[in-house]
């Protein structure tokens, strides 16, 4: 089955943020596996036009922002105190490094 790249991208952008993240993770994982099987030299570099297109901003309307779940703040993430959360992250990373080393 052949799918038009632009159609595929447009449909992927209609997914929820969670599903977009899952999609990106699956693609990166698949690419990583393929990389293990073939060298990077086989990958064609992007053209200037492709880079320009990828960097072109696509503004969203307010309704699209809300629909995509891009609103909220610390409280929406279950974080009552930002400074405390940062300290917990640092502690978690240090513990992880210590346990590996």
C-alpha atoms as a PDB file:
ATOM      1  CA  UNK A   1       0.000   0.000   0.000  1.00  0.00           C
ATOM      2  CA  UNK A   2       1.438   3.357  -1.050  1.00  0.00           C
ATOM      3  CA  UNK A   3       0.540   6.371   1.075  1.00  0.00           C
ATOM      4  CA  UNK A   4       1.237   9.972   0.106  1.00  0.00           C
ATOM      5  CA  UNK A   5       3.756  11.459   2.558  1.00  0.00           C
ATOM      6  CA  UNK A   6       1.858  14.745   2.997  1.00  0.00           C
ATOM      7  CA  UNK A   7      -1.399  12.874   3.645  1.00  0.00           C
ATOM      8  CA  UNK A   8       0.334  10.731   6.226  1.00  0.00           C
ATOM      9  CA  UNK A   9       1.847  13.752   7.993  1.00  0.00           C
ATOM     10  CA  UNK A  10      -1.475  15.615   7.993  1.00  0.00           C
ATOM     11  CA  UNK A  11      -3.245  12.615   9.513  1.00  0.00           C
ATOM     12  CA  UNK A  12      -0.502  12.202  12.131  1.00  0.00           C
ATOM     13  CA  UNK A  13      -0.941  15.854  13.122  1.00  0.00           C
ATOM     14  CA  UNK A  14      -4.612  15.171  13.809  1.00  0.00           C
ATOM     15  CA  UNK A  15      -3.691  12.659  16.531  1.00  0.00           C
ATOM     16  CA  UNK A  16      -3.702  13.593  20.196  1.00  0.00           C
ATOM     17  CA  UNK A  17      -0.360  14.688  21.647  1.00  0.00           C
ATOM     18  CA  UNK A  18      -0.098  11.381  23.480  1.00  0.00           C
ATOM     19  CA  UNK A  19      -0.636   9.420  20.261  1.00  0.00           C
ATOM     20  CA  UNK A  20       1.808  11.683  18.386  1.00  0.00           C
ATOM     21  CA  UNK A  21       4.431  10.948  21.054  1.00  0.00           C
ATOM     22  CA  UNK A  22       3.738   7.209  20.751  1.00  0.00           C
ATOM     23  CA  UNK A  23       4.037   7.457  16.965  1.00  0.00           C
ATOM     24  CA  UNK A  24       7.355   9.307  17.158  1.00  0.00           C
ATOM     25  CA  UNK A  25       8.682   6.754  19.648  1.00  0.00           C
ATOM     26  CA  UNK A  26       7.723   3.868  17.364  1.00  0.00           C
ATOM     27  CA  UNK A  27       9.277   5.557  14.331  1.00  0.00           C
ATOM     28  CA  UNK A  28      12.531   6.329  16.162  1.00  0.00           C
ATOM     29  CA  UNK A  29      12.675   2.760  17.475  1.00  0.00           C
ATOM     30  CA  UNK A  30      12.134   1.363  13.973  1.00  0.00           C
ATOM     31  CA  UNK A  31      14.751   3.718  12.547  1.00  0.00           C
ATOM     32  CA  UNK A  32      17.200   2.693  15.238  1.00  0.00           C
ATOM     33  CA  UNK A  33      16.696  -0.976  14.361  1.00  0.00           C
ATOM     34  CA  UNK A  34      17.121  -0.214  10.661  1.00  0.00           C
ATOM     35  CA  UNK A  35      20.258   1.794  11.428  1.00  0.00           C
ATOM     36  CA  UNK A  36      21.717  -1.255  13.147  1.00  0.00           C
ATOM     37  CA  UNK A  37      21.145  -3.148   9.906  1.00  0.00           C
ATOM     38  CA  UNK A  38      22.343  -0.497   7.424  1.00  0.00           C
ATOM     39  CA  UNK A  39      24.910   2.291   7.693  1.00  0.00           C
ATOM     40  CA  UNK A  40      23.887   5.957   7.817  1.00  0.00           C
ATOM     41  CA  UNK A  41      25.808   6.638   4.617  1.00  0.00           C
ATOM     42  CA  UNK A  42      22.829   5.190   2.719  1.00  0.00           C
ATOM     43  CA  UNK A  43      20.545   7.999   3.965  1.00  0.00           C
ATOM     44  CA  UNK A  44      20.227  10.918   1.575  1.00  0.00           C
ATOM     45  CA  UNK A  45      20.750  14.335   3.170  1.00  0.00           C
ATOM     46  CA  UNK A  46      17.812  16.719   3.226  1.00  0.00           C
ATOM     47  CA  UNK A  47      17.684  19.387   0.553  1.00  0.00           C
ATOM     48  CA  UNK A  48      17.576  23.073   1.468  1.00  0.00           C
ATOM     49  CA  UNK A  49      13.939  23.123   0.330  1.00  0.00           C
ATOM     50  CA  UNK A  50      13.046  20.184   2.606  1.00  0.00           C
ATOM     51  CA  UNK A  51      14.731  21.841   5.576  1.00  0.00           C
ATOM     52  CA  UNK A  52      12.949  25.130   4.867  1.00  0.00           C
ATOM     53  CA  UNK A  53       9.603  23.334   4.692  1.00  0.00           C
ATOM     54  CA  UNK A  54      10.235  21.474   7.954  1.00  0.00           C
ATOM     55  CA  UNK A  55      11.146  24.705   9.720  1.00  0.00           C
ATOM     56  CA  UNK A  56       8.119  26.643   8.420  1.00  0.00           C
ATOM     57  CA  UNK A  57       5.850  27.379  11.386  1.00  0.00           C
ATOM     58  CA  UNK A  58       2.254  26.279  11.138  1.00  0.00           C
ATOM     59  CA  UNK A  59       0.310  28.487  13.546  1.00  0.00           C
ATOM     60  CA  UNK A  60      -2.666  26.952  15.296  1.00  0.00           C
ATOM     61  CA  UNK A  61      -5.949  28.613  16.087  1.00  0.00           C
ATOM     62  CA  UNK A  62      -7.060  28.892  19.695  1.00  0.00           C
ATOM     63  CA  UNK A  63      -9.548  26.082  19.133  1.00  0.00           C
ATOM     64  CA  UNK A  64      -6.808  23.835  17.703  1.00  0.00           C
ATOM     65  CA  UNK A  65      -4.570  24.581  20.687  1.00  0.00           C
ATOM     66  CA  UNK A  66      -7.320  23.636  23.126  1.00  0.00           C
ATOM     67  CA  UNK A  67      -8.281  20.531  21.108  1.00  0.00           C
ATOM     68  CA  UNK A  68      -4.640  19.405  21.085  1.00  0.00           C
ATOM     69  CA  UNK A  69      -4.477  19.722  24.888  1.00  0.00           C
ATOM     70  CA  UNK A  70      -1.733  22.340  24.802  1.00  0.00           C
ATOM     71  CA  UNK A  71      -3.235  24.406  27.598  1.00  0.00           C
ATOM     72  CA  UNK A  72      -2.622  24.294  31.319  1.00  0.00           C
ATOM     73  CA  UNK A  73       0.306  24.562  33.608  1.00  0.00           C
ATOM     74  CA  UNK A  74       2.048  22.870  36.506  1.00  0.00           C
ATOM     75  CA  UNK A  75      -1.215  21.950  38.253  1.00  0.00           C
ATOM     76  CA  UNK A  76      -2.493  20.193  35.129  1.00  0.00           C
ATOM     77  CA  UNK A  77       0.595  18.003  35.253  1.00  0.00           C
ATOM     78  CA  UNK A  78      -0.049  17.104  38.890  1.00  0.00           C
ATOM     79  CA  UNK A  79       2.772  19.358  40.092  1.00  0.00           C
ATOM     80  CA  UNK A  80       1.858  21.502  43.093  1.00  0.00           C
ATOM     81  CA  UNK A  81       5.301  23.044  43.638  1.00  0.00           C
ATOM     82  CA  UNK A  82       7.642  23.551  40.666  1.00  0.00           C
ATOM     83  CA  UNK A  83      10.784  23.908  42.777  1.00  0.00           C
ATOM     84  CA  UNK A  84      10.000  20.721  44.687  1.00  0.00           C
ATOM     85  CA  UNK A  85       9.399  18.873  41.418  1.00  0.00           C
ATOM     86  CA  UNK A  86      12.793  20.007  40.063  1.00  0.00           C
ATOM     87  CA  UNK A  87      14.513  18.785  43.230  1.00  0.00           C
ATOM     88  CA  UNK A  88      12.746  15.409  42.914  1.00  0.00           C
ATOM     89  CA  UNK A  89      13.916  15.131  39.296  1.00  0.00           C
ATOM     90  CA  UNK A  90      17.510  15.884  40.274  1.00  0.00           C
ATOM     91  CA  UNK A  91      17.380  13.359  43.102  1.00  0.00           C
ATOM     92  CA  UNK A  92      15.880  10.754  40.779  1.00  0.00           C
ATOM     93  CA  UNK A  93      18.604  11.290  38.166  1.00  0.00           C
ATOM     94  CA  UNK A  94      21.376  11.141  40.739  1.00  0.00           C
ATOM     95  CA  UNK A  95      19.937   7.946  42.209  1.00  0.00           C
ATOM     96  CA  UNK A  96      19.707   6.431  38.752  1.00  0.00           C
ATOM     97  CA  UNK A  97      23.340   7.318  37.965  1.00  0.00           C
ATOM     98  CA  UNK A  98      24.554   5.958  41.292  1.00  0.00           C
ATOM     99  CA  UNK A  99      22.657   2.688  40.852  1.00  0.00           C
ATOM    100  CA  UNK A 100      24.181   2.191  37.364  1.00  0.00           C
ATOM    101  CA  UNK A 101      27.710   3.056  38.425  1.00  0.00           C
END
